[in-house]
Amino acid sequence: TIEQHKRNLSVNVNQLTKETAISSSISSQDELRDHLSAAKIEASRLRHDLNETSRKLARSEDDLSKASSNMIVLEKQNTQLIWTLQDKQEKIRDMDILIGCLEDAKDWIQKELV
């Protein structure tokens, strides 16, 4: 009968609606799995990049530490060179005074001999 046919159609529509919802849910789950998989891959790539950046930073810190140590050594050497230069300048002044005294003595001796 028509009523029976309507009920059958209603049952079929309900069944199709449920199957469509399940299929849509499965499709959504598959999409979510795909997004999750892509997110995991991206997280792995970012973790790799972070590790590489950390290694580079550690090398840079080591290089900076070495450069700092070298700079301290150079500053000490520079200070020693300055002291040596000042000592030599004092000796040159002393020699200039001595030369001046010797020239004065020579001049005095020459005057006395004449």
Protein backbone atom coordinates (compact mmCIF):
# COMPACT_ATOMS: atom_id res chain seq x y z
CA THR A 1 0.00 0.00 0.00
CA ILE A 2 0.91 3.65 -0.21
CA GLU A 3 1.37 3.95 3.53
CA GLN A 4 3.69 0.98 3.55
CA HIS A 5 5.54 2.44 0.59
CA LYS A 6 5.86 5.82 2.42
CA ARG A 7 7.22 4.03 5.50
CA ASN A 8 9.69 2.07 3.39
CA LEU A 9 10.78 5.28 1.67
CA SER A 10 11.08 6.99 5.04
CA VAL A 11 13.18 4.09 6.36
CA ASN A 12 15.30 4.16 3.21
CA VAL A 13 15.76 7.95 3.52
CA ASN A 14 16.69 7.56 7.19
CA GLN A 15 19.11 4.74 6.32
CA LEU A 16 20.67 6.82 3.52
CA THR A 17 20.93 9.81 5.87
CA LYS A 18 22.72 7.66 8.45
CA GLU A 19 25.04 6.17 5.82
CA THR A 20 25.77 9.63 4.42
CA ALA A 21 26.53 10.91 7.94
CA ILE A 22 28.80 7.92 8.61
CA SER A 23 30.51 8.35 5.23
CA SER A 24 30.93 12.07 5.90
CA SER A 25 32.28 11.30 9.37
CA ILE A 26 34.76 8.79 7.94
CA SER A 27 35.78 11.31 5.29
CA SER A 28 36.23 13.99 7.99
CA GLN A 29 38.28 11.56 10.06
CA ASP A 30 40.45 10.78 7.05
CA GLU A 31 40.94 14.52 6.46
CA LEU A 32 41.80 14.99 10.14
CA ARG A 33 44.30 12.12 9.93
CA ASP A 34 45.84 13.73 6.85
CA HIS A 35 46.08 17.09 8.65
CA LEU A 36 47.52 15.40 11.74
CA SER A 37 50.07 13.56 9.62
CA ALA A 38 51.04 16.80 7.86
CA ALA A 39 51.29 18.57 11.26
CA LYS A 40 53.54 15.79 12.57
CA ILE A 41 55.79 16.10 9.51
CA GLU A 42 55.95 19.89 9.95
CA ALA A 43 56.69 19.48 13.69
CA SER A 44 59.50 17.06 12.85
CA ARG A 45 60.94 19.51 10.32
CA LEU A 46 60.71 22.37 12.82
CA ARG A 47 62.37 20.19 15.50
CA HIS A 48 65.20 19.43 13.04
CA ASP A 49 65.57 23.16 12.23
CA LEU A 50 65.61 24.00 15.95
CA ASN A 51 68.30 21.39 16.62
CA GLU A 52 70.40 22.73 13.73
CA THR A 53 69.98 26.29 15.00
CA SER A 54 70.98 25.15 18.51
CA ARG A 55 74.14 23.51 17.11
CA LYS A 56 75.00 26.69 15.19
CA LEU A 57 74.42 28.79 18.31
CA ALA A 58 76.68 26.51 20.36
CA ARG A 59 79.42 26.84 17.70
CA SER A 60 78.98 30.61 17.66
CA GLU A 61 79.21 30.77 21.45
CA ASP A 62 82.39 28.67 21.31
CA ASP A 63 83.85 30.93 18.62
CA LEU A 64 82.93 34.00 20.67
CA SER A 65 84.58 32.51 23.75
CA LYS A 66 87.78 31.80 21.78
CA ALA A 67 87.74 35.30 20.30
CA SER A 68 87.31 36.76 23.78
CA SER A 69 90.28 34.74 25.08
CA ASN A 70 92.38 35.84 22.10
CA MET A 71 91.41 39.45 22.73
CA ILE A 72 92.56 39.20 26.36
CA VAL A 73 95.91 37.77 25.22
CA LEU A 74 96.27 40.56 22.63
CA GLU A 75 95.45 43.21 25.24
CA LYS A 76 98.17 41.81 27.53
CA GLN A 77 100.68 41.76 24.65
CA ASN A 78 99.69 45.31 23.72
CA THR A 79 100.25 46.45 27.32
CA GLN A 80 103.68 44.79 27.36
CA LEU A 81 104.58 46.46 24.07
CA ILE A 82 103.51 49.84 25.43
CA TRP A 83 105.70 49.31 28.53
CA THR A 84 108.63 48.24 26.33
CA LEU A 85 108.15 51.29 24.10
CA GLN A 86 108.01 53.62 27.12
CA ASP A 87 111.18 52.01 28.53
CA LYS A 88 112.98 52.47 25.19
CA GLN A 89 111.80 56.09 24.98
CA GLU A 90 113.23 56.72 28.47
CA LYS A 91 116.55 55.15 27.41
CA ILE A 92 116.61 57.32 24.28
CA ARG A 93 116.03 60.45 26.42
CA ASP A 94 118.84 59.32 28.76
CA MET A 95 121.13 58.79 25.72
CA ASP A 96 120.18 62.22 24.35
CA ILE A 97 121.12 63.77 27.72
CA LEU A 98 124.38 61.81 27.78
CA ILE A 99 125.18 62.86 24.21
CA GLY A 100 124.45 66.46 25.16
CA CYS A 101 126.79 66.17 28.16
CA LEU A 102 129.53 64.62 26.00
CA GLU A 103 129.18 67.36 23.38
CA ASP A 104 129.39 70.00 26.14
CA ALA A 105 132.48 68.25 27.53
CA LYS A 106 134.05 68.10 24.05
CA ASP A 107 133.37 71.78 23.52
CA TRP A 108 134.89 72.62 26.93
CA ILE A 109 137.96 70.45 26.23
CA GLN A 110 138.45 72.10 22.84
CA LYS A 111 138.25 75.55 24.42
CA GLU A 112 140.72 74.54 27.10
CA LEU A 113 143.18 73.15 24.56
CA VAL A 114 143.21 76.29 22.56
